N, C-alpha and C. Protein backbone atom coordinates (compact mmCIF):
# COMPACT_ATOMS: atom_id res chain seq x y z
N MET A 1 20.22 2.02 10.64
CA MET A 1 18.89 1.67 11.06
C MET A 1 17.96 1.80 9.85
N ASP A 2 17.27 0.71 9.50
CA ASP A 2 16.37 0.77 8.34
C ASP A 2 14.99 1.26 8.74
N LYS A 3 14.12 1.42 7.76
CA LYS A 3 12.81 2.02 8.01
C LYS A 3 11.95 1.14 8.92
N PHE A 4 12.14 -0.17 8.89
CA PHE A 4 11.36 -1.04 9.74
C PHE A 4 11.78 -0.88 11.20
N ASP A 5 13.08 -0.71 11.42
CA ASP A 5 13.57 -0.45 12.78
C ASP A 5 12.99 0.86 13.31
N LYS A 6 12.94 1.86 12.45
CA LYS A 6 12.40 3.17 12.87
C LYS A 6 10.92 3.06 13.20
N ARG A 7 10.19 2.28 12.42
CA ARG A 7 8.77 2.08 12.72
C ARG A 7 8.59 1.34 14.04
N ALA A 8 9.48 0.38 14.30
CA ALA A 8 9.40 -0.35 15.56
C ALA A 8 9.65 0.59 16.74
N VAL A 9 10.59 1.50 16.60
CA VAL A 9 10.85 2.49 17.65
C VAL A 9 9.63 3.38 17.82
N ALA A 10 9.03 3.81 16.72
CA ALA A 10 7.84 4.66 16.79
C ALA A 10 6.70 3.91 17.47
N LYS A 11 6.57 2.63 17.16
CA LYS A 11 5.52 1.83 17.79
C LYS A 11 5.76 1.72 19.30
N TYR A 12 6.99 1.49 19.68
CA TYR A 12 7.34 1.41 21.10
C TYR A 12 6.99 2.72 21.80
N LEU A 13 7.36 3.85 21.21
CA LEU A 13 7.06 5.15 21.81
C LEU A 13 5.56 5.43 21.82
N PHE A 14 4.85 4.93 20.82
CA PHE A 14 3.39 5.05 20.82
C PHE A 14 2.79 4.35 22.03
N PHE A 15 3.30 3.15 22.33
CA PHE A 15 2.79 2.41 23.49
C PHE A 15 3.16 3.08 24.82
N LYS A 16 4.12 4.00 24.75
CA LYS A 16 4.43 4.81 25.94
C LYS A 16 3.52 6.04 26.00
N GLU A 17 2.49 6.04 25.13
CA GLU A 17 1.46 7.07 25.05
C GLU A 17 2.02 8.44 24.66
N MET A 18 2.98 8.43 23.75
CA MET A 18 3.52 9.67 23.20
C MET A 18 2.74 10.03 21.94
N SER A 19 2.59 11.32 21.69
CA SER A 19 1.92 11.78 20.47
C SER A 19 2.88 11.66 19.28
N GLY A 20 2.35 11.86 18.08
CA GLY A 20 3.18 11.80 16.88
C GLY A 20 4.31 12.82 16.92
N TYR A 21 4.00 14.04 17.38
CA TYR A 21 5.03 15.07 17.49
C TYR A 21 6.09 14.68 18.50
N GLU A 22 5.66 14.14 19.63
CA GLU A 22 6.62 13.74 20.67
C GLU A 22 7.50 12.60 20.19
N ILE A 23 6.89 11.67 19.46
CA ILE A 23 7.67 10.55 18.92
C ILE A 23 8.71 11.08 17.94
N HIS A 24 8.31 11.98 17.06
CA HIS A 24 9.25 12.54 16.08
C HIS A 24 10.37 13.30 16.79
N ASP A 25 10.03 14.11 17.77
CA ASP A 25 11.04 14.86 18.51
C ASP A 25 12.02 13.94 19.22
N ASP A 26 11.52 12.87 19.83
CA ASP A 26 12.38 11.92 20.52
C ASP A 26 13.31 11.22 19.54
N MET A 27 12.74 10.80 18.40
CA MET A 27 13.56 10.13 17.39
C MET A 27 14.59 11.08 16.80
N PHE A 28 14.20 12.36 16.60
CA PHE A 28 15.14 13.34 16.06
C PHE A 28 16.29 13.57 17.03
N ALA A 29 15.99 13.61 18.33
CA ALA A 29 17.03 13.79 19.34
C ALA A 29 18.03 12.64 19.32
N THR A 30 17.55 11.46 18.98
CA THR A 30 18.42 10.27 18.98
C THR A 30 19.10 10.07 17.63
N LEU A 31 18.34 10.20 16.54
CA LEU A 31 18.84 9.86 15.21
C LEU A 31 19.32 11.05 14.39
N GLY A 32 19.01 12.24 14.82
CA GLY A 32 19.41 13.42 14.07
C GLY A 32 18.69 13.47 12.74
N ASN A 33 19.40 13.78 11.67
CA ASN A 33 18.80 13.93 10.35
C ASN A 33 18.37 12.61 9.72
N ASN A 34 18.69 11.50 10.36
CA ASN A 34 18.32 10.18 9.85
C ASN A 34 16.91 9.78 10.29
N VAL A 35 16.15 10.73 10.79
CA VAL A 35 14.80 10.46 11.29
C VAL A 35 13.80 10.56 10.14
N PRO A 36 12.71 9.75 10.18
CA PRO A 36 11.67 9.90 9.18
C PRO A 36 10.99 11.26 9.33
N SER A 37 10.28 11.68 8.31
CA SER A 37 9.60 12.97 8.38
C SER A 37 8.54 12.94 9.47
N CYS A 38 8.23 14.13 9.95
CA CYS A 38 7.20 14.24 10.99
C CYS A 38 5.87 13.71 10.45
N ARG A 39 5.56 13.99 9.21
CA ARG A 39 4.32 13.51 8.60
C ARG A 39 4.26 11.99 8.59
N ALA A 40 5.38 11.34 8.26
CA ALA A 40 5.41 9.88 8.24
C ALA A 40 5.14 9.32 9.63
N VAL A 41 5.79 9.90 10.63
CA VAL A 41 5.60 9.44 12.00
C VAL A 41 4.15 9.65 12.43
N LYS A 42 3.60 10.82 12.09
CA LYS A 42 2.22 11.11 12.46
C LYS A 42 1.24 10.18 11.74
N ASN A 43 1.59 9.69 10.58
CA ASN A 43 0.73 8.74 9.86
C ASN A 43 0.75 7.36 10.50
N TRP A 44 1.84 7.01 11.16
CA TRP A 44 1.93 5.70 11.80
C TRP A 44 1.06 5.62 13.05
N VAL A 45 0.94 6.74 13.78
CA VAL A 45 0.23 6.72 15.06
C VAL A 45 -1.21 6.22 14.92
N PRO A 46 -2.01 6.73 13.96
CA PRO A 46 -3.37 6.18 13.82
C PRO A 46 -3.37 4.71 13.42
N GLU A 47 -2.37 4.31 12.65
CA GLU A 47 -2.28 2.89 12.27
C GLU A 47 -2.09 2.03 13.52
N PHE A 48 -1.20 2.43 14.40
CA PHE A 48 -0.97 1.68 15.63
C PHE A 48 -2.21 1.74 16.52
N ARG A 49 -2.88 2.88 16.54
CA ARG A 49 -4.09 3.04 17.36
C ARG A 49 -5.18 2.09 16.87
N ARG A 50 -5.25 1.84 15.55
CA ARG A 50 -6.24 0.92 14.98
C ARG A 50 -5.87 -0.53 15.21
N GLY A 51 -4.72 -0.77 15.80
CA GLY A 51 -4.33 -2.13 16.12
C GLY A 51 -3.34 -2.76 15.17
N ARG A 52 -2.75 -1.98 14.30
CA ARG A 52 -1.75 -2.53 13.38
C ARG A 52 -0.57 -3.03 14.19
N ASN A 53 -0.19 -4.27 13.95
CA ASN A 53 0.93 -4.86 14.68
C ASN A 53 2.21 -4.89 13.87
N SER A 54 2.08 -5.00 12.57
CA SER A 54 3.26 -5.12 11.71
C SER A 54 3.88 -3.76 11.45
N VAL A 55 5.21 -3.73 11.41
CA VAL A 55 5.93 -2.51 11.04
C VAL A 55 6.43 -2.60 9.61
N GLU A 56 6.09 -3.69 8.92
CA GLU A 56 6.49 -3.86 7.53
C GLU A 56 5.43 -3.26 6.62
N ASN A 57 5.79 -3.01 5.37
CA ASN A 57 4.86 -2.47 4.38
C ASN A 57 3.74 -3.47 4.15
N GLU A 58 2.53 -2.93 4.00
CA GLU A 58 1.40 -3.78 3.67
C GLU A 58 1.35 -4.02 2.18
N HIS A 59 0.73 -5.13 1.80
CA HIS A 59 0.56 -5.43 0.38
C HIS A 59 -0.46 -4.48 -0.21
N HIS A 60 -0.17 -3.94 -1.37
CA HIS A 60 -1.09 -3.06 -2.08
C HIS A 60 -1.55 -3.73 -3.35
N SER A 61 -2.79 -3.51 -3.71
CA SER A 61 -3.29 -4.08 -4.95
C SER A 61 -2.71 -3.31 -6.13
N GLY A 62 -2.82 -3.88 -7.29
CA GLY A 62 -2.30 -3.23 -8.47
C GLY A 62 -1.00 -3.86 -8.91
N ARG A 63 -0.34 -3.17 -9.81
CA ARG A 63 0.90 -3.68 -10.38
C ARG A 63 2.01 -3.68 -9.34
N PRO A 64 2.74 -4.78 -9.22
CA PRO A 64 3.85 -4.82 -8.28
C PRO A 64 4.99 -3.92 -8.74
N LYS A 65 5.84 -3.55 -7.80
CA LYS A 65 6.98 -2.70 -8.15
C LYS A 65 7.84 -3.36 -9.21
N ASN A 66 8.02 -4.65 -9.11
CA ASN A 66 8.85 -5.37 -10.06
C ASN A 66 7.96 -6.40 -10.75
N ALA A 67 7.50 -6.07 -11.93
CA ALA A 67 6.53 -6.92 -12.62
C ALA A 67 7.21 -7.91 -13.56
N THR A 68 8.50 -8.04 -13.50
CA THR A 68 9.18 -8.97 -14.40
C THR A 68 9.23 -10.35 -13.78
N CYS A 69 9.28 -11.33 -14.62
CA CYS A 69 9.46 -12.70 -14.14
C CYS A 69 10.55 -13.35 -15.00
N ILE A 70 11.07 -14.40 -14.50
CA ILE A 70 12.17 -15.11 -15.18
C ILE A 70 11.75 -15.52 -16.59
N ASN A 71 10.52 -15.97 -16.77
CA ASN A 71 10.08 -16.40 -18.09
C ASN A 71 10.11 -15.24 -19.09
N ASP A 72 9.66 -14.04 -18.67
CA ASP A 72 9.69 -12.88 -19.55
C ASP A 72 11.12 -12.52 -19.94
N ILE A 73 12.01 -12.59 -18.99
CA ILE A 73 13.43 -12.28 -19.25
C ILE A 73 14.00 -13.26 -20.26
N ARG A 74 13.68 -14.54 -20.12
CA ARG A 74 14.16 -15.55 -21.06
C ARG A 74 13.63 -15.30 -22.47
N ILE A 75 12.35 -14.94 -22.56
CA ILE A 75 11.75 -14.68 -23.87
C ILE A 75 12.47 -13.51 -24.56
N VAL A 76 12.68 -12.43 -23.84
CA VAL A 76 13.36 -11.26 -24.42
C VAL A 76 14.78 -11.62 -24.81
N ASN A 77 15.48 -12.34 -23.95
CA ASN A 77 16.85 -12.76 -24.28
C ASN A 77 16.88 -13.62 -25.54
N ASP A 78 15.92 -14.53 -25.68
CA ASP A 78 15.87 -15.38 -26.87
C ASP A 78 15.62 -14.55 -28.12
N VAL A 79 14.72 -13.57 -28.04
CA VAL A 79 14.43 -12.71 -29.20
C VAL A 79 15.69 -11.94 -29.58
N LEU A 80 16.38 -11.39 -28.59
CA LEU A 80 17.59 -10.60 -28.88
C LEU A 80 18.72 -11.48 -29.42
N LYS A 81 18.79 -12.72 -28.98
CA LYS A 81 19.82 -13.63 -29.50
C LYS A 81 19.56 -13.95 -30.97
N ASP A 82 18.26 -14.08 -31.33
CA ASP A 82 17.89 -14.39 -32.72
C ASP A 82 18.17 -13.22 -33.65
N ASP A 83 17.98 -12.00 -33.16
CA ASP A 83 18.16 -10.82 -34.02
C ASP A 83 18.83 -9.72 -33.20
N ARG A 84 20.15 -9.67 -33.24
CA ARG A 84 20.90 -8.71 -32.43
C ARG A 84 20.73 -7.27 -32.91
N HIS A 85 20.28 -7.08 -34.14
CA HIS A 85 20.11 -5.73 -34.67
C HIS A 85 18.73 -5.16 -34.34
N LEU A 86 17.93 -5.92 -33.60
CA LEU A 86 16.58 -5.50 -33.28
C LEU A 86 16.56 -4.16 -32.55
N ILE A 87 17.41 -3.98 -31.56
CA ILE A 87 17.44 -2.74 -30.79
C ILE A 87 17.87 -1.58 -31.67
N VAL A 88 18.87 -1.80 -32.52
CA VAL A 88 19.35 -0.75 -33.40
C VAL A 88 18.24 -0.32 -34.35
N ARG A 89 17.53 -1.31 -34.96
CA ARG A 89 16.44 -0.98 -35.88
C ARG A 89 15.31 -0.26 -35.16
N HIS A 90 14.96 -0.72 -34.00
CA HIS A 90 13.88 -0.10 -33.23
C HIS A 90 14.25 1.34 -32.86
N SER A 91 15.46 1.54 -32.42
CA SER A 91 15.91 2.89 -32.06
C SER A 91 15.91 3.79 -33.28
N ALA A 92 16.34 3.28 -34.41
CA ALA A 92 16.37 4.07 -35.64
C ALA A 92 14.96 4.44 -36.09
N GLU A 93 14.05 3.51 -35.99
CA GLU A 93 12.67 3.79 -36.38
C GLU A 93 12.04 4.81 -35.44
N ALA A 94 12.33 4.70 -34.17
CA ALA A 94 11.74 5.60 -33.18
C ALA A 94 12.26 7.03 -33.33
N THR A 95 13.53 7.17 -33.74
CA THR A 95 14.12 8.50 -33.86
C THR A 95 14.08 9.02 -35.30
N GLY A 96 13.68 8.17 -36.23
CA GLY A 96 13.63 8.60 -37.63
C GLY A 96 14.98 8.58 -38.31
N GLU A 97 15.97 7.95 -37.71
CA GLU A 97 17.31 7.83 -38.29
C GLU A 97 17.36 6.61 -39.20
N ASN A 98 18.29 6.63 -40.12
CA ASN A 98 18.53 5.45 -40.96
C ASN A 98 19.22 4.39 -40.13
N SER A 99 18.78 3.14 -40.28
CA SER A 99 19.43 2.07 -39.51
C SER A 99 20.78 1.74 -40.11
N CYS A 100 21.62 1.17 -39.31
CA CYS A 100 23.00 0.85 -39.73
C CYS A 100 23.06 -0.37 -40.60
């Protein structure tokens, strides 16, 4: 069961008018140690109360978790193909070692 399934179960139990503690206890009885933390469950309850319908993560502003793009990868690969000793030289300069 993934985290979205667990949130859906928590949302269902919320609509049964259970508190955050009751939802956590019910989920713990069913899922055992695979249950989200009590704090996480208690954080979902106000979200559902405010009318949140989605159980998926919301978009956050700022840098994405994975900020790479195919074009950047191609550029780096092209640079490394042109000069394969680049990493060795950079590592040597960073550590103060003589390059090979």
